Protein backbone atom coordinates (compact mmCIF):
# COMPACT_ATOMS: atom_id res chain seq x y z
CA UNK A 1 27.05 -14.39 -13.14
CA UNK A 2 26.23 -10.87 -11.98
CA UNK A 3 22.81 -10.15 -10.53
CA UNK A 4 21.37 -6.62 -10.47
CA UNK A 5 18.16 -5.74 -8.66
CA UNK A 6 16.28 -2.68 -9.91
CA UNK A 7 14.06 -1.65 -7.03
CA UNK A 8 13.11 0.82 -4.32
CA UNK A 9 12.73 0.09 -0.61
CA UNK A 10 9.37 1.86 -0.35
CA UNK A 11 8.02 -0.77 -2.74
CA UNK A 12 6.65 -3.86 -0.97
CA UNK A 13 7.56 -6.36 -3.76
CA UNK A 14 11.02 -4.79 -4.07
CA UNK A 15 11.71 -5.37 -0.39
CA UNK A 16 10.55 -8.98 -0.62
CA UNK A 17 12.96 -9.67 -3.48
CA UNK A 18 15.88 -7.95 -1.74
CA UNK A 19 15.25 -9.67 1.57
CA UNK A 20 15.28 -13.03 -0.21
CA UNK A 21 18.58 -12.24 -1.94
CA UNK A 22 20.08 -11.54 1.48
CA UNK A 23 18.48 -14.59 3.08
CA UNK A 24 19.97 -16.80 0.36
CA UNK A 25 23.39 -15.14 0.57
CA UNK A 26 23.34 -14.16 -3.11
CA UNK A 27 25.51 -11.17 -3.99
CA UNK A 28 23.71 -8.49 -5.99
CA UNK A 29 24.13 -4.98 -7.34
CA UNK A 30 21.51 -2.57 -6.03
CA UNK A 31 20.03 -0.22 -8.64
CA UNK A 32 17.58 2.21 -7.06
CA UNK A 33 14.70 3.21 -9.33
CA UNK A 34 12.82 6.45 -8.73
CA UNK A 35 9.44 4.92 -9.50
CA UNK A 36 7.49 7.72 -7.79
CA UNK A 37 8.77 10.20 -10.39
CA UNK A 38 8.17 7.91 -13.34
CA UNK A 39 11.58 6.39 -14.00
CA UNK A 40 9.99 3.01 -14.80
CA UNK A 41 8.13 4.66 -17.69
CA UNK A 42 11.24 6.16 -19.26
CA UNK A 43 12.32 4.53 -22.56
CA UNK A 44 15.64 3.20 -21.27
CA UNK A 45 13.91 1.30 -18.45
CA UNK A 46 11.01 -0.03 -20.52
CA UNK A 47 13.27 -1.11 -23.40
CA UNK A 48 16.30 -2.47 -21.51
CA UNK A 49 15.14 -3.44 -18.02
CA UNK A 50 11.45 -4.29 -17.75
CA UNK A 51 8.82 -3.84 -20.47
CA UNK A 52 6.12 -4.13 -17.78
CA UNK A 53 7.48 -0.79 -16.44
CA UNK A 54 7.35 -1.97 -12.83
CA UNK A 55 9.71 -2.80 -10.02
CA UNK A 56 11.37 -4.96 -8.93
CA UNK A 57 13.22 -6.14 -11.99
CA UNK A 58 16.16 -8.53 -12.12
CA UNK A 59 19.01 -8.51 -14.64
CA UNK A 60 21.40 -11.46 -14.73
CA UNK A 61 24.58 -10.73 -16.68
CA UNK A 62 27.16 -13.22 -17.85
CA UNK A 63 25.39 -14.74 -20.81
CA UNK A 64 24.68 -13.11 -24.14
CA UNK A 65 22.09 -11.71 -24.04
CA UNK A 66 21.45 -10.80 -20.41
CA UNK A 67 18.55 -12.50 -18.70
CA UNK A 68 15.93 -9.96 -17.56
CA UNK A 69 12.93 -10.73 -15.39
CA UNK A 70 10.06 -8.74 -13.91
CA UNK A 71 7.34 -9.51 -11.34
CA UNK A 72 8.46 -10.20 -7.78
CA UNK A 73 6.85 -13.65 -7.53
CA UNK A 74 8.66 -14.87 -10.65
CA UNK A 75 11.90 -13.26 -9.47
CA UNK A 76 11.79 -14.93 -6.06
CA UNK A 77 10.96 -18.40 -7.44
CA UNK A 78 13.81 -18.02 -9.94
CA UNK A 79 16.28 -17.03 -7.22
CA UNK A 80 15.40 -20.13 -5.20
CA UNK A 81 15.97 -22.30 -8.29
CA UNK A 82 19.39 -20.82 -9.12
CA UNK A 83 20.69 -20.22 -5.59
CA UNK A 84 23.57 -22.68 -5.92
CA UNK A 85 24.66 -21.38 -9.34
CA UNK A 86 24.55 -17.82 -7.98
CA UNK A 87 26.83 -18.63 -5.04
CA UNK A 88 23.96 -18.76 -2.56
CA UNK A 89 22.67 -21.28 -0.03
CA UNK A 90 20.79 -23.93 -2.02
CA UNK A 91 19.63 -25.79 1.09
CA UNK A 92 18.14 -22.63 2.56
CA UNK A 93 16.46 -21.91 -0.78
CA UNK A 94 14.56 -25.19 -0.42
CA UNK A 95 12.95 -23.90 2.78
CA UNK A 96 11.74 -20.77 1.05
CA UNK A 97 10.53 -22.56 -2.09
CA UNK A 98 11.26 -26.24 -2.85
CA UNK A 99 10.06 -26.24 -6.45
CA UNK A 100 9.79 -29.72 -7.98
CA UNK A 101 11.46 -31.36 -4.97
CA UNK A 102 8.25 -31.01 -2.97
CA UNK A 103 5.37 -30.38 -5.34
CA UNK A 104 2.67 -30.27 -2.66
CA UNK A 105 4.48 -27.77 -0.45
CA UNK A 106 5.29 -25.64 -3.49
CA UNK A 107 1.63 -25.72 -4.50
CA UNK A 108 0.59 -24.42 -1.08
CA UNK A 109 3.14 -21.62 -1.37
CA UNK A 110 1.93 -20.83 -4.89
CA UNK A 111 -1.67 -20.78 -3.65
CA UNK A 112 -0.97 -18.10 -1.03
CA UNK A 113 1.15 -16.07 -3.42
CA UNK A 114 -1.68 -16.09 -5.97
CA UNK A 115 -4.19 -15.13 -3.27
CA UNK A 116 -1.95 -12.26 -2.20
CA UNK A 117 -2.92 -10.11 -5.20
CA UNK A 118 -6.65 -9.89 -4.57
CA UNK A 119 -6.66 -10.79 -0.88
CA UNK A 120 -4.15 -8.21 0.34
CA UNK A 121 -2.34 -6.17 -2.32
CA UNK A 122 -5.44 -4.66 -3.93
CA UNK A 123 -6.07 -2.87 -0.61
CA UNK A 124 -2.61 -1.28 -0.41
CA UNK A 125 -3.17 2.08 1.26
CA UNK A 126 0.39 3.30 1.86
CA UNK A 127 0.44 5.70 -1.08
CA UNK A 128 -2.96 7.09 -0.11
CA UNK A 129 -1.56 7.60 3.38
CA UNK A 130 1.36 9.51 1.86
CA UNK A 131 -1.15 11.67 -0.02
CA UNK A 132 -2.99 12.23 3.24
CA UNK A 133 0.27 13.29 4.83
CA UNK A 134 0.94 15.83 2.06
CA UNK A 135 -2.53 17.25 1.51
CA UNK A 136 -4.03 20.38 3.03
CA UNK A 137 -5.55 19.97 6.53
CA UNK A 138 -9.03 20.88 5.29
CA UNK A 139 -8.95 17.90 2.91
CA UNK A 140 -7.49 15.27 5.23
CA UNK A 141 -10.78 14.00 6.67
CA UNK A 142 -12.29 13.78 3.19
CA UNK A 143 -9.37 11.72 1.94
CA UNK A 144 -9.62 9.52 5.01
CA UNK A 145 -13.29 8.74 4.37
CA UNK A 146 -13.22 8.48 0.56
CA UNK A 147 -9.89 6.73 -0.01
CA UNK A 148 -8.55 5.08 3.14
CA UNK A 149 -11.71 3.78 4.79
CA UNK A 150 -12.82 1.68 1.77
CA UNK A 151 -9.34 0.14 1.63
CA UNK A 152 -9.42 -0.60 5.37
CA UNK A 153 -12.84 -2.20 5.04
CA UNK A 154 -11.68 -4.34 2.12
CA UNK A 155 -8.53 -5.47 3.89
CA UNK A 156 -10.47 -6.84 6.86
CA UNK A 157 -11.67 -9.81 4.81
CA UNK A 158 -8.09 -10.80 3.96
CA UNK A 159 -6.97 -10.39 7.55
CA UNK A 160 -9.87 -12.56 8.73
CA UNK A 161 -8.88 -15.24 6.21
CA UNK A 162 -5.30 -15.23 7.51
CA UNK A 163 -6.40 -15.28 11.15
CA UNK A 164 -8.73 -18.23 10.59
CA UNK A 165 -5.98 -20.10 8.72
CA UNK A 166 -3.53 -19.68 11.59
CA UNK A 167 -6.16 -20.70 14.15
CA UNK A 168 -6.72 -23.98 12.29
CA UNK A 169 -3.05 -24.92 12.51
CA UNK A 170 -2.07 -27.56 15.13
CA UNK A 171 -1.16 -26.16 18.51
CA UNK A 172 2.38 -27.59 18.30
CA UNK A 173 3.28 -25.31 15.39
CA UNK A 174 6.13 -22.79 15.86
CA UNK A 175 5.69 -19.90 18.31
CA UNK A 176 5.41 -17.47 15.41
CA UNK A 177 2.99 -18.95 12.86
CA UNK A 178 3.84 -19.45 9.20
CA UNK A 179 1.49 -20.05 6.30
CA UNK A 180 2.62 -23.65 5.80
CA UNK A 181 2.84 -24.35 9.53
CA UNK A 182 6.60 -24.97 9.39
CA UNK A 183 9.35 -23.53 11.54
CA UNK A 184 10.81 -21.78 8.48
CA UNK A 185 8.84 -19.17 6.51
CA UNK A 186 8.29 -19.40 2.77
CA UNK A 187 8.08 -17.01 -0.16
CA UNK A 188 4.38 -16.64 0.61
CA UNK A 189 5.10 -15.46 4.15
CA UNK A 190 7.69 -13.02 2.86
CA UNK A 191 5.46 -11.65 0.10
CA UNK A 192 2.39 -11.00 2.25
CA UNK A 193 4.18 -9.73 5.36
CA UNK A 194 6.12 -7.20 3.27
CA UNK A 195 2.76 -6.01 1.97
CA UNK A 196 1.19 -5.61 5.41
CA UNK A 197 4.34 -4.17 6.99
CA UNK A 198 3.85 -1.12 4.80
CA UNK A 199 0.97 0.00 7.06
CA UNK A 200 2.53 -1.37 10.23
CA UNK A 201 5.23 1.23 9.55
CA UNK A 202 2.75 4.07 9.90
CA UNK A 203 1.35 2.66 13.13
CA UNK A 204 -1.60 0.47 12.20
CA UNK A 205 -2.43 -2.16 14.80
CA UNK A 206 -3.93 -5.62 14.33
CA UNK A 207 -5.30 -6.26 17.82
CA UNK A 208 -8.38 -8.02 16.45
CA UNK A 209 -6.11 -10.47 14.63
CA UNK A 210 -3.58 -11.68 17.23
CA UNK A 211 -2.28 -14.57 15.11
CA UNK A 212 -1.66 -12.21 12.20
CA UNK A 213 0.09 -9.77 14.52
CA UNK A 214 2.30 -12.55 15.89
CA UNK A 215 3.13 -13.72 12.37
CA UNK A 216 4.05 -10.19 11.29
CA UNK A 217 6.20 -9.68 14.38
CA UNK A 218 7.99 -12.98 13.79
CA UNK A 219 8.93 -12.01 10.25
CA UNK A 220 9.85 -8.46 11.26
CA UNK A 221 12.37 -9.81 13.77
CA UNK A 222 14.40 -11.57 11.09
CA UNK A 223 17.64 -9.68 10.62
CA UNK A 224 17.42 -9.14 6.85
CA UNK A 225 13.75 -8.15 7.02
CA UNK A 226 14.60 -5.62 9.71
CA UNK A 227 17.51 -4.08 7.79
CA UNK A 228 15.75 -3.81 4.45
CA UNK A 229 12.68 -2.29 6.16
CA UNK A 230 14.56 0.60 7.79
CA UNK A 231 13.63 3.08 5.07
CA UNK A 232 9.90 2.32 5.11
CA UNK A 233 9.90 2.46 8.91
CA UNK A 234 11.50 5.90 8.82
CA UNK A 235 9.01 7.11 6.20
CA UNK A 236 6.18 5.69 8.29
CA UNK A 237 7.42 7.43 11.40
CA UNK A 238 7.52 10.76 9.57
CA UNK A 239 3.96 10.30 8.32
CA UNK A 240 2.69 9.18 11.71
CA UNK A 241 4.19 12.10 13.56
CA UNK A 242 2.91 14.65 11.04
CA UNK A 243 -0.57 13.21 10.53
CA UNK A 244 -1.64 13.08 14.17
CA UNK A 245 -5.31 12.17 14.63
CA UNK A 246 -6.09 12.04 10.93
CA UNK A 247 -4.97 8.41 10.68
CA UNK A 248 -7.38 5.87 12.17
CA UNK A 249 -4.64 3.66 13.55
CA UNK A 250 -7.10 1.48 15.45
CA UNK A 251 -9.04 0.64 12.29
CA UNK A 252 -8.31 -3.06 12.74
CA UNK A 253 -8.53 -3.13 16.53
């Protein structure tokens, strides 16, 4: 079995899938996809890799035909299910997603992963921030008010939901909170923190949401999360240094 991940490290779902592969100890071939310049829409990608024309995409070779899979949530659940067959750590995979072995815990993970789309991802502002970074100075404030501020305002509701959830957890939960209240994070934690880390990279602060900030910091300290996030951190640093006062970094403070 050979596993290939088609992805890019500036893509939040791509990083989540790659971090999980590393966490599970599954060997994989890295295939970088230039999604910003439209590679996912080219015929060879749409016909052979992922008809949804998105990243990440997974290709498992060894059978005839190859098994191809799109959508990060489906990819990550699949990897947890096949960890042992893929030479990975099956016991560790159970912590991330237990599947049928613990239906209730899996349902809680599924619930947060489903919520992720409308609660957090719809307010992704990283690419608008990149546009802000590249646009003419005279247009920066306009882009801030017309594009970024509505996204910031929308994201506050999701952050408040997360903060309230963590506050309801028993006080004897781990030092860094997790969505299921366990010592070990799950696919839901990985999915949503990769999403929010995209704006952490450019300097956004979450002072009004201390539990969320602690949760993000706890995930960011994991070795594989840290290594896979190096590229987005570097891109964020470049944007932050060039944008100066145009970015309202205290928007959530």
